[in-house]
Structures are given as structure tokens and as C-alpha cells.
Protein backbone atom coordinates (compact mmCIF):
# COMPACT_ATOMS: atom_id res chain seq x y z
CA UNK A 1 -24.01 26.49 15.13
CA UNK A 2 -21.62 29.15 13.87
CA UNK A 3 -19.44 28.53 10.84
CA UNK A 4 -15.73 28.37 11.44
CA UNK A 5 -13.47 31.02 10.00
CA UNK A 6 -11.93 30.02 6.68
CA UNK A 7 -8.56 31.08 8.12
CA UNK A 8 -8.76 28.62 11.03
CA UNK A 9 -6.38 25.63 10.99
CA UNK A 10 -7.68 22.72 8.95
CA UNK A 11 -8.54 19.33 10.42
CA UNK A 12 -7.94 16.08 8.55
CA UNK A 13 -9.06 12.56 9.46
CA UNK A 14 -7.35 9.59 7.82
CA UNK A 15 -9.50 6.44 7.75
CA UNK A 16 -7.14 3.64 6.73
CA UNK A 17 -7.25 -0.14 6.23
CA UNK A 18 -3.83 -0.99 7.70
CA UNK A 19 -0.54 0.78 8.33
CA UNK A 20 1.90 -1.01 10.64
CA UNK A 21 0.75 -4.64 10.90
CA UNK A 22 2.76 -5.62 7.81
CA UNK A 23 4.76 -4.00 5.02
CA UNK A 24 2.74 -4.52 1.84
CA UNK A 25 2.30 -1.86 -0.82
CA UNK A 26 -0.98 -0.48 0.56
CA UNK A 27 0.49 -0.33 4.06
CA UNK A 28 3.59 1.51 2.81
CA UNK A 29 1.39 3.96 0.90
CA UNK A 30 -0.64 4.60 4.06
CA UNK A 31 2.57 5.18 6.06
CA UNK A 32 3.71 7.78 3.55
CA UNK A 33 0.24 9.37 3.68
CA UNK A 34 0.45 9.58 7.48
CA UNK A 35 3.93 11.09 7.30
CA UNK A 36 2.88 13.69 4.72
CA UNK A 37 -0.28 14.60 6.64
CA UNK A 38 1.70 14.99 9.86
CA UNK A 39 4.25 17.22 8.14
CA UNK A 40 1.42 19.31 6.68
CA UNK A 41 -0.19 19.70 10.12
CA UNK A 42 3.13 20.74 11.66
CA UNK A 43 3.83 23.33 8.96
CA UNK A 44 0.30 24.74 8.72
CA UNK A 45 -0.80 24.64 12.33
CA UNK A 46 -3.50 22.17 11.35
CA UNK A 47 -4.52 18.90 12.96
CA UNK A 48 -4.51 15.33 11.69
CA UNK A 49 -6.01 12.19 13.24
CA UNK A 50 -6.02 8.59 12.04
CA UNK A 51 -8.35 5.64 12.54
CA UNK A 52 -7.04 2.29 11.27
CA UNK A 53 -9.11 -0.87 10.85
CA UNK A 54 -6.54 -3.66 11.09
CA UNK A 55 -3.70 -2.20 13.15
CA UNK A 56 -2.90 -3.96 16.39
CA UNK A 57 0.69 -2.75 16.68
CA UNK A 58 1.69 0.59 18.15
CA UNK A 59 2.40 3.17 15.42
CA UNK A 60 5.99 3.78 14.36
CA UNK A 61 6.89 7.24 15.70
CA UNK A 62 8.94 7.97 12.56
CA UNK A 63 5.66 8.28 10.65
CA UNK A 64 3.26 9.41 13.38
CA UNK A 65 4.86 12.55 14.76
CA UNK A 66 3.72 15.02 17.38
CA UNK A 67 1.35 16.74 14.96
CA UNK A 68 -1.18 13.90 15.26
CA UNK A 69 -4.11 14.73 17.51
CA UNK A 70 -4.92 11.00 17.77
CA UNK A 71 -4.04 7.65 16.21
CA UNK A 72 -6.25 4.65 16.94
CA UNK A 73 -6.15 1.06 15.67
CA UNK A 74 -9.31 -1.07 15.85
CA UNK A 75 -7.40 -4.37 15.92
CA UNK A 76 -9.45 -5.87 13.04
CA UNK A 77 -12.74 -5.32 14.91
CA UNK A 78 -15.19 -3.84 12.40
CA UNK A 79 -17.65 -3.08 15.19
CA UNK A 80 -15.08 -1.08 17.14
CA UNK A 81 -13.87 0.59 13.95
CA UNK A 82 -17.33 1.81 12.91
CA UNK A 83 -18.16 2.88 16.47
CA UNK A 84 -14.97 4.93 16.77
CA UNK A 85 -15.55 6.43 13.33
CA UNK A 86 -19.04 7.59 14.27
CA UNK A 87 -17.78 9.09 17.52
CA UNK A 88 -15.08 11.01 15.63
CA UNK A 89 -17.29 12.45 12.90
CA UNK A 90 -20.08 13.42 15.31
CA UNK A 91 -17.81 15.20 17.79
CA UNK A 92 -15.38 16.83 15.32
CA UNK A 93 -15.69 19.29 12.47
CA UNK A 94 -13.21 17.84 9.96
CA UNK A 95 -12.38 19.73 6.80
CA UNK A 96 -11.22 16.61 4.95
CA UNK A 97 -11.71 12.89 5.60
CA UNK A 98 -9.49 10.63 3.48
CA UNK A 99 -10.48 6.97 3.14
CA UNK A 100 -7.49 4.79 2.37
CA UNK A 101 -9.25 2.01 0.45
CA UNK A 102 -12.37 1.59 -1.67
CA UNK A 103 -13.63 -1.08 0.76
CA UNK A 104 -14.01 1.71 3.33
CA UNK A 105 -15.81 4.03 0.91
CA UNK A 106 -19.38 3.34 2.15
CA UNK A 107 -18.40 5.14 5.36
CA UNK A 108 -17.70 8.23 3.24
CA UNK A 109 -21.46 8.78 2.85
CA UNK A 110 -21.95 9.40 6.58
CA UNK A 111 -19.91 12.52 7.51
CA UNK A 112 -22.00 14.96 5.45
CA UNK A 113 -25.08 13.92 7.40
CA UNK A 114 -23.54 15.60 10.46
CA UNK A 115 -21.33 18.28 8.86
CA UNK A 116 -22.42 19.11 5.30
CA UNK A 117 -19.26 21.11 4.50
CA UNK A 118 -16.81 18.28 5.11
CA UNK A 119 -14.90 17.08 2.02
CA UNK A 120 -14.18 13.40 1.39
CA UNK A 121 -11.55 11.59 -0.68
CA UNK A 122 -11.07 7.87 -1.43
CA UNK A 123 -7.79 6.21 -2.49
CA UNK A 124 -7.77 3.71 -5.38
CA UNK A 125 -4.78 1.39 -5.81
CA UNK A 126 -5.25 -1.38 -8.36
CA UNK A 127 -7.38 -4.41 -9.10
CA UNK A 128 -9.93 -3.62 -6.37
CA UNK A 129 -11.31 -0.98 -8.77
CA UNK A 130 -10.42 -2.74 -12.04
CA UNK A 131 -13.79 -4.47 -11.96
CA UNK A 132 -17.43 -3.61 -11.30
CA UNK A 133 -17.88 -2.44 -7.72
CA UNK A 134 -20.83 -3.07 -5.45
CA UNK A 135 -23.80 -0.74 -5.76
CA UNK A 136 -23.06 0.96 -2.44
CA UNK A 137 -19.37 1.41 -3.35
CA UNK A 138 -20.28 3.03 -6.69
CA UNK A 139 -22.70 5.36 -4.92
CA UNK A 140 -20.07 6.26 -2.32
CA UNK A 141 -17.41 7.01 -4.95
CA UNK A 142 -19.78 9.22 -6.91
CA UNK A 143 -20.64 11.17 -3.77
CA UNK A 144 -16.98 11.60 -2.74
CA UNK A 145 -15.44 14.97 -3.55
CA UNK A 146 -12.16 13.51 -4.85
CA UNK A 147 -10.80 10.13 -5.92
CA UNK A 148 -7.05 9.69 -5.40
CA UNK A 149 -5.56 7.19 -7.86
CA UNK A 150 -1.99 5.92 -7.54
CA UNK A 151 -1.51 5.62 -11.33
CA UNK A 152 -2.93 6.64 -14.71
CA UNK A 153 -3.82 3.01 -15.42
CA UNK A 154 -5.90 2.70 -12.26
CA UNK A 155 -7.53 6.03 -13.10
CA UNK A 156 -8.53 4.68 -16.52
CA UNK A 157 -9.96 1.49 -15.02
CA UNK A 158 -11.87 3.51 -12.43
CA UNK A 159 -13.48 5.57 -15.18
CA UNK A 160 -14.24 2.48 -17.28
CA UNK A 161 -15.84 0.37 -14.57
CA UNK A 162 -17.39 2.96 -12.25
CA UNK A 163 -17.95 5.89 -14.63
CA UNK A 164 -16.31 8.36 -12.23
CA UNK A 165 -15.95 11.78 -13.92
CA UNK A 166 -12.38 12.34 -15.10
CA UNK A 167 -12.13 15.72 -13.39
CA UNK A 168 -12.88 14.16 -9.99
CA UNK A 169 -9.86 11.81 -10.12
CA UNK A 170 -6.46 13.12 -9.05
CA UNK A 171 -3.17 11.21 -9.31
CA UNK A 172 -1.38 10.69 -6.00
CA UNK A 173 1.55 8.44 -6.98
CA UNK A 174 3.47 6.02 -4.83
CA UNK A 175 6.82 7.19 -3.52
CA UNK A 176 9.91 5.64 -1.99
CA UNK A 177 9.68 5.60 1.79
CA UNK A 178 11.60 8.66 3.10
CA UNK A 179 13.06 6.40 5.78
CA UNK A 180 14.39 3.94 3.21
CA UNK A 181 18.13 4.24 3.86
CA UNK A 182 20.34 3.08 0.99
CA UNK A 183 23.43 3.35 3.19
CA UNK A 184 26.93 4.03 1.95
CA UNK A 185 27.56 0.54 0.54
CA UNK A 186 28.27 -0.23 -3.08
CA UNK A 187 24.96 -0.74 -4.87
CA UNK A 188 26.63 -3.02 -7.43
CA UNK A 189 27.74 -5.68 -4.92
CA UNK A 190 26.11 -8.67 -6.62
CA UNK A 191 26.09 -12.25 -5.36
CA UNK A 192 27.62 -15.20 -7.17
CA UNK A 193 25.89 -17.22 -8.51
CA UNK A 194 23.43 -14.66 -9.93
CA UNK A 195 20.62 -13.81 -7.54
CA UNK A 196 17.08 -13.20 -8.77
CA UNK A 197 14.93 -11.40 -6.19
CA UNK A 198 11.18 -11.05 -5.67
CA UNK A 199 9.54 -9.17 -2.80
CA UNK A 200 5.80 -9.77 -2.51
CA UNK A 201 3.00 -11.10 -0.40
CA UNK A 202 2.06 -14.63 -1.43
CA UNK A 203 -1.58 -15.28 -0.69
CA UNK A 204 -4.05 -17.45 -2.56
CA UNK A 205 -5.91 -14.25 -3.44
CA UNK A 206 -2.78 -12.73 -5.03
CA UNK A 207 -1.57 -15.42 -7.41
CA UNK A 208 -1.47 -12.70 -10.08
CA UNK A 209 1.96 -11.68 -8.73
CA UNK A 210 3.43 -14.20 -11.20
CA UNK A 211 5.90 -15.91 -8.87
CA UNK A 212 4.84 -19.30 -10.23
CA UNK A 213 5.73 -18.16 -13.76
CA UNK A 214 9.22 -17.21 -12.56
CA UNK A 215 9.67 -20.67 -10.98
CA UNK A 216 8.48 -22.37 -14.18
CA UNK A 217 11.05 -20.42 -16.19
CA UNK A 218 14.01 -21.38 -14.00
CA UNK A 219 14.84 -24.79 -15.52
CA UNK A 220 15.40 -23.10 -18.91
CA UNK A 221 17.36 -20.25 -17.29
CA UNK A 222 19.61 -22.69 -15.39
CA UNK A 223 20.14 -24.75 -18.55
CA UNK A 224 21.17 -21.60 -20.42
CA UNK A 225 23.43 -19.82 -17.91
CA UNK A 226 24.19 -22.32 -15.17
CA UNK A 227 23.37 -22.18 -11.44
CA UNK A 228 21.28 -19.30 -10.17
CA UNK A 229 19.49 -18.55 -6.92
CA UNK A 230 15.93 -17.26 -6.71
CA UNK A 231 15.01 -15.68 -3.38
CA UNK A 232 11.44 -14.74 -2.57
CA UNK A 233 10.88 -12.42 0.39
CA UNK A 234 7.41 -12.24 1.87
CA UNK A 235 4.77 -14.36 3.54
CA UNK A 236 1.37 -15.80 2.76
CA UNK A 237 -0.75 -18.92 2.54
CA UNK A 238 0.31 -19.62 -1.08
CA UNK A 239 3.94 -20.40 -0.14
CA UNK A 240 3.37 -24.20 0.21
CA UNK A 241 1.98 -24.38 -3.34
CA UNK A 242 4.96 -22.47 -4.72
CA UNK A 243 7.41 -24.65 -2.79
CA UNK A 244 5.72 -27.75 -4.17
CA UNK A 245 5.97 -26.35 -7.70
CA UNK A 246 9.72 -25.80 -7.32
CA UNK A 247 10.14 -29.36 -5.99
CA UNK A 248 8.07 -30.79 -8.84
CA UNK A 249 10.35 -29.07 -11.37
CA UNK A 250 13.46 -30.36 -9.60
CA UNK A 251 14.79 -26.89 -8.75
CA UNK A 252 13.89 -26.64 -5.05
CA UNK A 253 17.55 -26.11 -4.11
CA UNK A 254 17.63 -23.00 -6.30
CA UNK A 255 14.48 -21.39 -4.80
CA UNK A 256 14.60 -19.97 -1.28
CA UNK A 257 11.51 -18.62 0.46
CA UNK A 258 12.90 -16.17 3.01
CA UNK A 259 9.70 -15.16 4.81
CA UNK A 260 9.30 -11.62 6.08
CA UNK A 261 12.56 -9.84 6.85
CA UNK A 262 13.52 -6.74 8.86
CA UNK A 263 14.22 -3.64 6.76
CA UNK A 264 18.00 -3.91 7.13
CA UNK A 265 18.06 -7.49 5.82
CA UNK A 266 15.63 -6.64 3.02
CA UNK A 267 17.88 -3.78 1.91
CA UNK A 268 20.88 -6.13 1.85
CA UNK A 269 19.03 -8.48 -0.50
CA UNK A 270 18.22 -5.59 -2.83
CA UNK A 271 21.88 -4.55 -2.71
CA UNK A 272 23.16 -8.02 -3.62
CA UNK A 273 20.60 -9.13 -6.20
CA UNK A 274 21.45 -9.29 -9.92
CA UNK A 275 17.91 -8.56 -11.08
CA UNK A 276 14.55 -7.83 -9.47
CA UNK A 277 11.58 -9.70 -10.90
CA UNK A 278 7.85 -9.31 -10.24
CA UNK A 279 5.83 -10.17 -13.36
CA UNK A 280 2.53 -9.20 -11.80
CA UNK A 281 -0.48 -9.15 -14.08
CA UNK A 282 -2.57 -6.87 -11.87
CA UNK A 283 -0.38 -4.26 -10.21
CA UNK A 284 -1.61 -0.70 -9.71
CA UNK A 285 1.96 0.35 -9.01
CA UNK A 286 4.39 -1.75 -6.96
CA UNK A 287 6.49 0.21 -4.46
CA UNK A 288 8.96 -2.69 -4.53
CA UNK A 289 9.92 -1.60 -8.05
CA UNK A 290 10.95 1.79 -6.67
CA UNK A 291 12.97 0.10 -3.93
CA UNK A 292 14.87 -2.04 -6.45
CA UNK A 293 15.42 0.93 -8.77
CA UNK A 294 16.87 2.90 -5.86
CA UNK A 295 19.70 0.35 -5.88
CA UNK A 296 20.12 0.75 -9.68
CA UNK A 297 18.98 -2.84 -10.27
CA UNK A 298 17.47 -4.11 -13.51
CA UNK A 299 13.72 -4.55 -12.94
């Protein structure tokens, strides 16, 4: 097998957990990664492909442009996902394979068995690496060529818990979605009474977001400044508990759970809020903070 010329166009494979099924922080990061990789391929004459574990929806063409050689979602089937991954790495000579979550990192040990020169990178976000990892995950991270951390804090936790060499970890920070359109409206158009806004997923596994602590604080806030409205945008199986907490405290009429909203409606809530609140205790870096800051809101 002859080696390829170093001047030949590069090939990148993105192996991602989820991109378009919902709009959480990891998904938004993966969208930006797809967009950047596609732009790179267009400008350099390279090629980028993506394999996504949980995606069932068709990709948004704003992020997956014509530079993608392929984009495939496994629809949450791990069997299909691993099968497609093996087919891709056996039949293609990738220069880089980027794994979009530490849970996918064990797969990073396979490509070099077929193509020893391939480089691998794994993305680290937050609390998934702020604790001891499994033995196979630690082995996979140590074998990876690069770790991509979204923040200095996550980098420090990765070094502390997994003993990854400092020089192997590069910072790849979160960014505001390039398609996030502020519009021409006045960013200081606040609602009356004052509107407190939170945007987050609310699952029983993510109670660290601190939404319950905001609800518990509201009786004192209302006593101090009068009526307020607290709107929580997002979905999850922890919503009933939070609704019950608001009812127990006698402030249910002040707390509105809005569910998931289209981008245009979400932007309007950012525009009208008085303050954005997300007192998360375990956040690698919340993209929602950037979104609120783009509207010049106190965070």
C-alpha cells in the first residue's frame, strides 16, 4: 500500500453523539464543529464526513454544506453506529478522526489498527470528565493524539482525574452559533413585571443546573421587589418535580415552564428578559450564557 502524498487534500471524520435531535449545549457545539469542518474542507479542498449516534432528523443544511462527503445518523442504534464506523475506517484513509464525546472514546482505539498514521482527537465538555473515568476510557484518552477541552476548568479536571499530559490538551472554546440572528430590534426591550429567564434541559440526571434553587429564592425576591415572572425554557423528565416545588412554595403563578421553543421565540425571550439566571454547579461552559450576553443581558 503506497503512502499518500503529504500535499494531498486531508480527510476528516467527525464521530459525534448528537447534533440535530435537540438544541442542548453539546449539540450546539457539535453543530459549530460541523460548520467549521465543512468550511475548512471547502477552503482547503479537503473532505469531511460525519457519523452521529443519536440523530434521527435530517441535518440542517445551514451547518452541513456541500463540502461534506457524507453525513449519517444511526438513530440511537449502537449496533448500526459501530457497524457504520467500522465500515468507514476500514474503507477510508482518514487523516483525523474527531470523537465528539468521551463516551465515544473507546472507538478511538480502533482506527490505528487499520491505518497507523491516522490522528485521533476527543472532545471533553464538563462533568463527564470531572470524575474518574472507566479503565477503557482512560486508556483511550491516553492513546488519543489530542484532547479538545472547551474550557480551562475542564482541562484542569481532566488532568486531575485522568492524568492526561498537559501538552496533549488543547482548548477549543464554545462559540455563539453563527446563525444566531440578533435582529434589528432593541436589545433593552424588557418585560414588565421583571422577567427572569433560564434556558436549560431539565432531566433527573441534570439537577445540578440549579433551577430548584432559583425557585426557592423567589418568595424572598417577590417579597422584596414585588411581582416577577420566572420563565424556564427547555424540556426534560424533571419538570414535574420543579412544578411541584413552585406549587408547594405558593408561587406557581410566577413560574412558567415554556417547553422547547423555536429559535425565533427563544430569541424573543432573551430580548425581553431582565436577567438571565443559570446557577449551575457543574457547567463546563454554557453556550446559553453567550446567547444572553449577545443581548447585553445581566447573567
